[in-house]
């Protein structure tokens, strides 16, 4: 598992790391932040890229954002996982 993965709890980007980028009060997880993946109204959620910088979509539960993983062309499985993760605060 990558040291930068959200699945690595010890990583700065670890979803459950309360001191990391995704802490419940931080800008990427807080449901009221305009940059949060968990804000159902944001247009500016984080983007998904690989190590080479290739863009894969926007990590957002907002179904109406272009390229959102929860949008029309998104991935239902990943969207469902994100919604569960956002609810687990």
PDB file of N, CA and C in Angstrom:
ATOM      1  N   UNK A   1       0.853  -1.176   0.000  1.00  0.00           N
ATOM      2  CA  UNK A   1       0.000   0.000   0.000  1.00  0.00           C
ATOM      3  C   UNK A   1       0.894   1.231   0.000  1.00  0.00           C
ATOM      4  N   UNK A   2       0.517   2.181  -0.772  1.00  0.00           N
ATOM      5  CA  UNK A   2       1.291   3.420  -0.918  1.00  0.00           C
ATOM      6  C   UNK A   2       1.295   4.226   0.375  1.00  0.00           C
ATOM      7  N   UNK A   3       2.395   4.886   0.625  1.00  0.00           N
ATOM      8  CA  UNK A   3       2.502   5.762   1.780  1.00  0.00           C
ATOM      9  C   UNK A   3       1.598   6.970   1.687  1.00  0.00           C
ATOM     10  N   UNK A   4       1.104   7.275   0.484  1.00  0.00           N
ATOM     11  CA  UNK A   4       0.215   8.420   0.277  1.00  0.00           C
ATOM     12  C   UNK A   4      -1.242   8.010   0.111  1.00  0.00           C
ATOM     13  N   UNK A   5      -1.558   6.748   0.312  1.00  0.00           N
ATOM     14  CA  UNK A   5      -2.911   6.239   0.090  1.00  0.00           C
ATOM     15  C   UNK A   5      -3.874   6.684   1.192  1.00  0.00           C
ATOM     16  N   UNK A   6      -5.131   6.941   0.807  1.00  0.00           N
ATOM     17  CA  UNK A   6      -6.137   7.258   1.825  1.00  0.00           C
ATOM     18  C   UNK A   6      -6.473   6.016   2.648  1.00  0.00           C
ATOM     19  N   UNK A   7      -6.161   4.823   2.130  1.00  0.00           N
ATOM     20  CA  UNK A   7      -6.444   3.580   2.849  1.00  0.00           C
ATOM     21  C   UNK A   7      -5.380   3.288   3.904  1.00  0.00           C
ATOM     22  N   UNK A   8      -4.210   3.934   3.825  1.00  0.00           N
ATOM     23  CA  UNK A   8      -3.141   3.766   4.792  1.00  0.00           C
ATOM     24  C   UNK A   8      -3.412   4.720   5.958  1.00  0.00           C
ATOM     25  N   UNK A   9      -3.888   4.170   7.082  1.00  0.00           N
ATOM     26  CA  UNK A   9      -4.302   5.004   8.210  1.00  0.00           C
ATOM     27  C   UNK A   9      -3.163   5.824   8.807  1.00  0.00           C
ATOM     28  N   UNK A  10      -1.936   5.412   8.593  1.00  0.00           N
ATOM     29  CA  UNK A  10      -0.798   6.139   9.139  1.00  0.00           C
ATOM     30  C   UNK A  10      -0.315   7.242   8.202  1.00  0.00           C
ATOM     31  N   UNK A  11      -0.789   7.246   6.989  1.00  0.00           N
ATOM     32  CA  UNK A  11      -0.387   8.230   5.996  1.00  0.00           C
ATOM     33  C   UNK A  11      -0.951   9.606   6.324  1.00  0.00           C
ATOM     34  N   UNK A  12      -0.271  10.646   5.863  1.00  0.00           N
ATOM     35  CA  UNK A  12      -0.791  12.011   5.975  1.00  0.00           C
ATOM     36  C   UNK A  12      -2.158  12.101   5.318  1.00  0.00           C
ATOM     37  N   UNK A  13      -2.375  11.274   4.292  1.00  0.00           N
ATOM     38  CA  UNK A  13      -3.644  11.277   3.552  1.00  0.00           C
ATOM     39  C   UNK A  13      -4.610  10.204   4.044  1.00  0.00           C
ATOM     40  N   UNK A  14      -4.238   9.465   5.083  1.00  0.00           N
ATOM     41  CA  UNK A  14      -5.083   8.394   5.607  1.00  0.00           C
ATOM     42  C   UNK A  14      -6.433   8.916   6.081  1.00  0.00           C
ATOM     43  N   UNK A  15      -7.494   8.284   5.627  1.00  0.00           N
ATOM     44  CA  UNK A  15      -8.850   8.741   5.918  1.00  0.00           C
ATOM     45  C   UNK A  15      -9.126   8.799   7.415  1.00  0.00           C
ATOM     46  N   UNK A  16      -8.617   7.832   8.161  1.00  0.00           N
ATOM     47  CA  UNK A  16      -8.913   7.789   9.590  1.00  0.00           C
ATOM     48  C   UNK A  16      -7.831   8.425  10.449  1.00  0.00           C
ATOM     49  N   UNK A  17      -6.845   9.037   9.836  1.00  0.00           N
ATOM     50  CA  UNK A  17      -5.810   9.741  10.575  1.00  0.00           C
ATOM     51  C   UNK A  17      -6.372  11.098  10.988  1.00  0.00           C
ATOM     52  N   UNK A  18      -6.704  11.249  12.260  1.00  0.00           N
ATOM     53  CA  UNK A  18      -7.332  12.473  12.753  1.00  0.00           C
ATOM     54  C   UNK A  18      -6.464  13.715  12.628  1.00  0.00           C
ATOM     55  N   UNK A  19      -5.171  13.521  12.371  1.00  0.00           N
ATOM     56  CA  UNK A  19      -4.258  14.660  12.237  1.00  0.00           C
ATOM     57  C   UNK A  19      -3.870  14.898  10.784  1.00  0.00           C
ATOM     58  N   UNK A  20      -4.367  14.063   9.887  1.00  0.00           N
ATOM     59  CA  UNK A  20      -3.984  14.148   8.484  1.00  0.00           C
ATOM     60  C   UNK A  20      -4.867  15.078   7.678  1.00  0.00           C
ATOM     61  N   UNK A  21      -4.670  15.037   6.383  1.00  0.00           N
ATOM     62  CA  UNK A  21      -5.398  15.892   5.449  1.00  0.00           C
ATOM     63  C   UNK A  21      -6.909  15.661   5.492  1.00  0.00           C
ATOM     64  N   UNK A  22      -7.313  14.426   5.852  1.00  0.00           N
ATOM     65  CA  UNK A  22      -8.732  14.064   5.793  1.00  0.00           C
ATOM     66  C   UNK A  22      -9.425  14.118   7.143  1.00  0.00           C
ATOM     67  N   UNK A  23      -8.846  14.780   8.125  1.00  0.00           N
ATOM     68  CA  UNK A  23      -9.503  14.794   9.434  1.00  0.00           C
ATOM     69  C   UNK A  23     -10.894  15.421   9.294  1.00  0.00           C
ATOM     70  N   UNK A  24     -11.842  15.035  10.144  1.00  0.00           N
ATOM     71  CA  UNK A  24     -13.242  15.464  10.003  1.00  0.00           C
ATOM     72  C   UNK A  24     -13.456  16.978  10.024  1.00  0.00           C
ATOM     73  N   UNK A  25     -12.484  17.724  10.519  1.00  0.00           N
ATOM     74  CA  UNK A  25     -12.621  19.173  10.578  1.00  0.00           C
ATOM     75  C   UNK A  25     -11.791  19.866   9.504  1.00  0.00           C
ATOM     76  N   UNK A  26     -11.061  19.089   8.726  1.00  0.00           N
ATOM     77  CA  UNK A  26     -10.203  19.642   7.688  1.00  0.00           C
ATOM     78  C   UNK A  26     -10.966  19.982   6.419  1.00  0.00           C
ATOM     79  N   UNK A  27     -10.296  20.658   5.516  1.00  0.00           N
ATOM     80  CA  UNK A  27     -10.965  21.157   4.319  1.00  0.00           C
ATOM     81  C   UNK A  27     -11.398  20.081   3.332  1.00  0.00           C
ATOM     82  N   UNK A  28     -10.833  18.868   3.399  1.00  0.00           N
ATOM     83  CA  UNK A  28     -11.175  17.844   2.411  1.00  0.00           C
ATOM     84  C   UNK A  28     -12.249  16.868   2.881  1.00  0.00           C
ATOM     85  N   UNK A  29     -12.564  16.857   4.167  1.00  0.00           N
ATOM     86  CA  UNK A  29     -13.573  15.931   4.685  1.00  0.00           C
ATOM     87  C   UNK A  29     -14.747  16.638   5.362  1.00  0.00           C
ATOM     88  N   UNK A  30     -14.542  17.817   5.871  1.00  0.00           N
ATOM     89  CA  UNK A  30     -15.586  18.579   6.544  1.00  0.00           C
ATOM     90  C   UNK A  30     -16.753  18.801   5.583  1.00  0.00           C
ATOM     91  N   UNK A  31     -17.952  18.402   5.947  1.00  0.00           N
ATOM     92  CA  UNK A  31     -19.085  18.509   5.013  1.00  0.00           C
ATOM     93  C   UNK A  31     -19.485  19.935   4.658  1.00  0.00           C
ATOM     94  N   UNK A  32     -18.891  20.927   5.313  1.00  0.00           N
ATOM     95  CA  UNK A  32     -19.219  22.320   5.021  1.00  0.00           C
ATOM     96  C   UNK A  32     -18.117  23.044   4.247  1.00  0.00           C
ATOM     97  N   UNK A  33     -16.986  22.388   4.044  1.00  0.00           N
ATOM     98  CA  UNK A  33     -15.874  23.006   3.320  1.00  0.00           C
ATOM     99  C   UNK A  33     -16.139  22.978   1.817  1.00  0.00           C
ATOM    100  N   UNK A  34     -15.771  24.033   1.132  1.00  0.00           N
ATOM    101  CA  UNK A  34     -15.982  24.075  -0.323  1.00  0.00           C
ATOM    102  C   UNK A  34     -15.024  23.158  -1.072  1.00  0.00           C
ATOM    103  N   UNK A  35     -14.019  22.589  -0.383  1.00  0.00           N
ATOM    104  CA  UNK A  35     -13.073  21.667  -1.010  1.00  0.00           C
ATOM    105  C   UNK A  35     -13.285  20.218  -0.569  1.00  0.00           C
ATOM    106  N   UNK A  36     -14.353  19.963   0.140  1.00  0.00           N
ATOM    107  CA  UNK A  36     -14.569  18.650   0.737  1.00  0.00           C
ATOM    108  C   UNK A  36     -15.207  17.641  -0.216  1.00  0.00           C
ATOM    109  N   UNK A  37     -14.706  16.420  -0.177  1.00  0.00           N
ATOM    110  CA  UNK A  37     -15.311  15.316  -0.921  1.00  0.00           C
ATOM    111  C   UNK A  37     -16.686  14.985  -0.335  1.00  0.00           C
ATOM    112  N   UNK A  38     -16.915  15.369   0.920  1.00  0.00           N
ATOM    113  CA  UNK A  38     -18.152  15.044   1.624  1.00  0.00           C
ATOM    114  C   UNK A  38     -19.210  16.148   1.576  1.00  0.00           C
ATOM    115  N   UNK A  39     -18.918  17.244   0.905  1.00  0.00           N
ATOM    116  CA  UNK A  39     -19.873  18.335   0.770  1.00  0.00           C
ATOM    117  C   UNK A  39     -20.723  18.072  -0.472  1.00  0.00           C
ATOM    118  N   UNK A  40     -22.008  17.830  -0.275  1.00  0.00           N
ATOM    119  CA  UNK A  40     -22.877  17.460  -1.396  1.00  0.00           C
ATOM    120  C   UNK A  40     -23.143  18.594  -2.377  1.00  0.00           C
ATOM    121  N   UNK A  41     -22.691  19.813  -2.060  1.00  0.00           N
ATOM    122  CA  UNK A  41     -22.928  20.951  -2.938  1.00  0.00           C
ATOM    123  C   UNK A  41     -21.663  21.520  -3.577  1.00  0.00           C
ATOM    124  N   UNK A  42     -20.500  21.063  -3.151  1.00  0.00           N
ATOM    125  CA  UNK A  42     -19.256  21.661  -3.638  1.00  0.00           C
ATOM    126  C   UNK A  42     -19.011  21.392  -5.119  1.00  0.00           C
ATOM    127  N   UNK A  43     -18.345  22.312  -5.744  1.00  0.00           N
ATOM    128  CA  UNK A  43     -17.903  22.168  -7.129  1.00  0.00           C
ATOM    129  C   UNK A  43     -16.397  21.891  -7.168  1.00  0.00           C
ATOM    130  N   UNK A  44     -15.725  21.957  -6.010  1.00  0.00           N
ATOM    131  CA  UNK A  44     -14.263  21.947  -5.946  1.00  0.00           C
ATOM    132  C   UNK A  44     -13.671  20.808  -5.134  1.00  0.00           C
ATOM    133  N   UNK A  45     -14.319  19.651  -5.091  1.00  0.00           N
ATOM    134  CA  UNK A  45     -13.767  18.528  -4.342  1.00  0.00           C
ATOM    135  C   UNK A  45     -12.417  18.094  -4.905  1.00  0.00           C
ATOM    136  N   UNK A  46     -11.669  17.308  -4.139  1.00  0.00           N
ATOM    137  CA  UNK A  46     -10.352  16.858  -4.585  1.00  0.00           C
ATOM    138  C   UNK A  46     -10.437  16.039  -5.877  1.00  0.00           C
ATOM    139  N   UNK A  47      -9.366  16.039  -6.646  1.00  0.00           N
ATOM    140  CA  UNK A  47      -9.323  15.267  -7.882  1.00  0.00           C
ATOM    141  C   UNK A  47      -8.552  13.968  -7.671  1.00  0.00           C
ATOM    142  N   UNK A  48      -8.881  12.971  -8.482  1.00  0.00           N
ATOM    143  CA  UNK A  48      -8.196  11.686  -8.450  1.00  0.00           C
ATOM    144  C   UNK A  48      -7.185  11.647  -9.587  1.00  0.00           C
ATOM    145  N   UNK A  49      -5.922  11.458  -9.238  1.00  0.00           N
ATOM    146  CA  UNK A  49      -4.853  11.358 -10.230  1.00  0.00           C
ATOM    147  C   UNK A  49      -3.946  10.196  -9.857  1.00  0.00           C
ATOM    148  N   UNK A  50      -3.242   9.678 -10.863  1.00  0.00           N
ATOM    149  CA  UNK A  50      -2.259   8.633 -10.564  1.00  0.00           C
ATOM    150  C   UNK A  50      -0.888   9.285 -10.391  1.00  0.00           C
ATOM    151  N   UNK A  51       0.121   8.464 -10.187  1.00  0.00           N
ATOM    152  CA  UNK A  51       1.470   8.987  -9.931  1.00  0.00           C
ATOM    153  C   UNK A  51       2.016   9.827 -11.082  1.00  0.00           C
ATOM    154  N   UNK A  52       1.529   9.581 -12.273  1.00  0.00           N
ATOM    155  CA  UNK A  52       1.981  10.337 -13.440  1.00  0.00           C
ATOM    156  C   UNK A  52       1.169  11.620 -13.641  1.00  0.00           C
ATOM    157  N   UNK A  53       0.161  11.831 -12.817  1.00  0.00           N
ATOM    158  CA  UNK A  53      -0.661  13.033 -12.928  1.00  0.00           C
ATOM    159  C   UNK A  53      -1.854  12.902 -13.852  1.00  0.00           C
ATOM    160  N   UNK A  54      -2.160  11.679 -14.304  1.00  0.00           N
ATOM    161  CA  UNK A  54      -3.331  11.465 -15.157  1.00  0.00           C
ATOM    162  C   UNK A  54      -4.611  11.626 -14.335  1.00  0.00           C
ATOM    163  N   UNK A  55      -5.508  12.446 -14.817  1.00  0.00           N
ATOM    164  CA  UNK A  55      -6.764  12.756 -14.135  1.00  0.00           C
ATOM    165  C   UNK A  55      -7.789  11.648 -14.349  1.00  0.00           C
ATOM    166  N   UNK A  56      -8.452  11.203 -13.252  1.00  0.00           N
ATOM    167  CA  UNK A  56      -9.460  10.148 -13.345  1.00  0.00           C
ATOM    168  C   UNK A  56     -10.847  10.594 -12.907  1.00  0.00           C
ATOM    169  N   UNK A  57     -10.946  11.735 -12.302  1.00  0.00           N
ATOM    170  CA  UNK A  57     -12.245  12.220 -11.861  1.00  0.00           C
ATOM    171  C   UNK A  57     -12.123  13.039 -10.594  1.00  0.00           C
ATOM    172  N   UNK A  58     -13.267  13.428 -10.099  1.00  0.00           N
ATOM    173  CA  UNK A  58     -13.317  14.258  -8.893  1.00  0.00           C
ATOM    174  C   UNK A  58     -13.893  13.431  -7.755  1.00  0.00           C
ATOM    175  N   UNK A  59     -13.207  13.428  -6.624  1.00  0.00           N
ATOM    176  CA  UNK A  59     -13.650  12.713  -5.439  1.00  0.00           C
ATOM    177  C   UNK A  59     -14.704  13.580  -4.753  1.00  0.00           C
ATOM    178  N   UNK A  60     -15.965  13.341  -5.115  1.00  0.00           N
ATOM    179  CA  UNK A  60     -17.051  14.180  -4.629  1.00  0.00           C
ATOM    180  C   UNK A  60     -18.351  13.395  -4.607  1.00  0.00           C
ATOM    181  N   UNK A  61     -19.131  13.618  -3.540  1.00  0.00           N
ATOM    182  CA  UNK A  61     -20.453  12.994  -3.493  1.00  0.00           C
ATOM    183  C   UNK A  61     -21.488  13.832  -4.237  1.00  0.00           C
ATOM    184  N   UNK A  62     -21.088  14.995  -4.737  1.00  0.00           N
ATOM    185  CA  UNK A  62     -21.984  15.849  -5.528  1.00  0.00           C
ATOM    186  C   UNK A  62     -22.189  15.193  -6.896  1.00  0.00           C
ATOM    187  N   UNK A  63     -23.386  14.752  -7.157  1.00  0.00           N
ATOM    188  CA  UNK A  63     -23.711  14.030  -8.392  1.00  0.00           C
ATOM    189  C   UNK A  63     -23.725  14.924  -9.627  1.00  0.00           C
ATOM    190  N   UNK A  64     -23.755  16.228  -9.433  1.00  0.00           N
ATOM    191  CA  UNK A  64     -23.899  17.150 -10.547  1.00  0.00           C
ATOM    192  C   UNK A  64     -22.596  17.809 -10.991  1.00  0.00           C
ATOM    193  N   UNK A  65     -21.503  17.475 -10.326  1.00  0.00           N
ATOM    194  CA  UNK A  65     -20.194  18.013 -10.698  1.00  0.00           C
ATOM    195  C   UNK A  65     -19.637  17.197 -11.858  1.00  0.00           C
ATOM    196  N   UNK A  66     -19.091  17.879 -12.833  1.00  0.00           N
ATOM    197  CA  UNK A  66     -18.484  17.200 -13.973  1.00  0.00           C
ATOM    198  C   UNK A  66     -17.382  16.251 -13.513  1.00  0.00           C
ATOM    199  N   UNK A  67     -17.434  15.028 -13.989  1.00  0.00           N
ATOM    200  CA  UNK A  67     -16.438  13.986 -13.684  1.00  0.00           C
ATOM    201  C   UNK A  67     -16.441  13.523 -12.232  1.00  0.00           C
ATOM    202  N   UNK A  68     -17.512  13.770 -11.486  1.00  0.00           N
ATOM    203  CA  UNK A  68     -17.620  13.299 -10.105  1.00  0.00           C
ATOM    204  C   UNK A  68     -17.746  11.785 -10.092  1.00  0.00           C
ATOM    205  N   UNK A  69     -17.122  11.129  -9.115  1.00  0.00           N
ATOM    206  CA  UNK A  69     -17.254   9.672  -9.021  1.00  0.00           C
ATOM    207  C   UNK A  69     -18.684   9.267  -8.680  1.00  0.00           C
ATOM    208  N   UNK A  70     -19.476  10.211  -8.186  1.00  0.00           N
ATOM    209  CA  UNK A  70     -20.880   9.933  -7.897  1.00  0.00           C
ATOM    210  C   UNK A  70     -21.812  10.448  -8.992  1.00  0.00           C
ATOM    211  N   UNK A  71     -21.244  10.988 -10.051  1.00  0.00           N
ATOM    212  CA  UNK A  71     -22.040  11.523 -11.151  1.00  0.00           C
ATOM    213  C   UNK A  71     -22.472  10.453 -12.133  1.00  0.00           C
ATOM    214  N   UNK A  72     -23.084  10.876 -13.202  1.00  0.00           N
ATOM    215  CA  UNK A  72     -23.618   9.987 -14.234  1.00  0.00           C
ATOM    216  C   UNK A  72     -22.563   9.034 -14.781  1.00  0.00           C
ATOM    217  N   UNK A  73     -21.380   9.539 -15.054  1.00  0.00           N
ATOM    218  CA  UNK A  73     -20.329   8.683 -15.611  1.00  0.00           C
ATOM    219  C   UNK A  73     -19.357   8.204 -14.547  1.00  0.00           C
ATOM    220  N   UNK A  74     -19.724   8.352 -13.270  1.00  0.00           N
ATOM    221  CA  UNK A  74     -18.867   7.947 -12.160  1.00  0.00           C
ATOM    222  C   UNK A  74     -18.886   6.449 -11.918  1.00  0.00           C
ATOM    223  N   UNK A  75     -18.304   6.049 -10.822  1.00  0.00           N
ATOM    224  CA  UNK A  75     -18.209   4.643 -10.439  1.00  0.00           C
ATOM    225  C   UNK A  75     -19.085   4.412  -9.215  1.00  0.00           C
ATOM    226  N   UNK A  76     -20.169   3.675  -9.392  1.00  0.00           N
ATOM    227  CA  UNK A  76     -21.146   3.466  -8.326  1.00  0.00           C
ATOM    228  C   UNK A  76     -20.525   2.829  -7.078  1.00  0.00           C
ATOM    229  N   UNK A  77     -19.623   1.898  -7.276  1.00  0.00           N
ATOM    230  CA  UNK A  77     -18.988   1.199  -6.148  1.00  0.00           C
ATOM    231  C   UNK A  77     -18.127   2.164  -5.329  1.00  0.00           C
ATOM    232  N   UNK A  78     -17.330   2.968  -6.005  1.00  0.00           N
ATOM    233  CA  UNK A  78     -16.476   3.930  -5.300  1.00  0.00           C
ATOM    234  C   UNK A  78     -17.334   5.016  -4.661  1.00  0.00           C
ATOM    235  N   UNK A  79     -18.368   5.457  -5.341  1.00  0.00           N
ATOM    236  CA  UNK A  79     -19.274   6.454  -4.787  1.00  0.00           C
ATOM    237  C   UNK A  79     -19.915   5.945  -3.500  1.00  0.00           C
ATOM    238  N   UNK A  80     -20.380   4.715  -3.516  1.00  0.00           N
ATOM    239  CA  UNK A  80     -21.003   4.130  -2.330  1.00  0.00           C
ATOM    240  C   UNK A  80     -20.017   4.082  -1.174  1.00  0.00           C
ATOM    241  N   UNK A  81     -18.768   3.689  -1.457  1.00  0.00           N
ATOM    242  CA  UNK A  81     -17.723   3.637  -0.424  1.00  0.00           C
ATOM    243  C   UNK A  81     -17.445   5.035   0.121  1.00  0.00           C
ATOM    244  N   UNK A  82     -17.373   6.030  -0.744  1.00  0.00           N
ATOM    245  CA  UNK A  82     -17.133   7.406  -0.299  1.00  0.00           C
ATOM    246  C   UNK A  82     -18.274   7.900   0.588  1.00  0.00           C
ATOM    247  N   UNK A  83     -19.501   7.606   0.205  1.00  0.00           N
ATOM    248  CA  UNK A  83     -20.646   8.034   1.018  1.00  0.00           C
ATOM    249  C   UNK A  83     -20.586   7.405   2.406  1.00  0.00           C
ATOM    250  N   UNK A  84     -20.209   6.140   2.496  1.00  0.00           N
ATOM    251  CA  UNK A  84     -20.063   5.469   3.795  1.00  0.00           C
ATOM    252  C   UNK A  84     -18.946   6.126   4.590  1.00  0.00           C
ATOM    253  N   UNK A  85     -17.835   6.414   3.936  1.00  0.00           N
ATOM    254  CA  UNK A  85     -16.706   7.046   4.617  1.00  0.00           C
ATOM    255  C   UNK A  85     -17.089   8.440   5.105  1.00  0.00           C
ATOM    256  N   UNK A  86     -17.834   9.187   4.320  1.00  0.00           N
ATOM    257  CA  UNK A  86     -18.251  10.532   4.724  1.00  0.00           C
ATOM    258  C   UNK A  86     -19.231  10.471   5.895  1.00  0.00           C
ATOM    259  N   UNK A  87     -20.071   9.447   5.944  1.00  0.00           N
ATOM    260  CA  UNK A  87     -21.037   9.309   7.026  1.00  0.00           C
ATOM    261  C   UNK A  87     -20.375   8.877   8.318  1.00  0.00           C
ATOM    262  N   UNK A  88     -19.192   8.261   8.229  1.00  0.00           N
ATOM    263  CA  UNK A  88     -18.462   7.743   9.380  1.00  0.00           C
ATOM    264  C   UNK A  88     -17.616   8.859   9.997  1.00  0.00           C
ATOM    265  N   UNK A  89     -18.276   9.851  10.574  1.00  0.00           N
ATOM    266  CA  UNK A  89     -17.540  10.965  11.169  1.00  0.00           C
ATOM    267  C   UNK A  89     -17.769  10.966  12.601  1.00  0.00           C
TER     268      UNK A  89
END
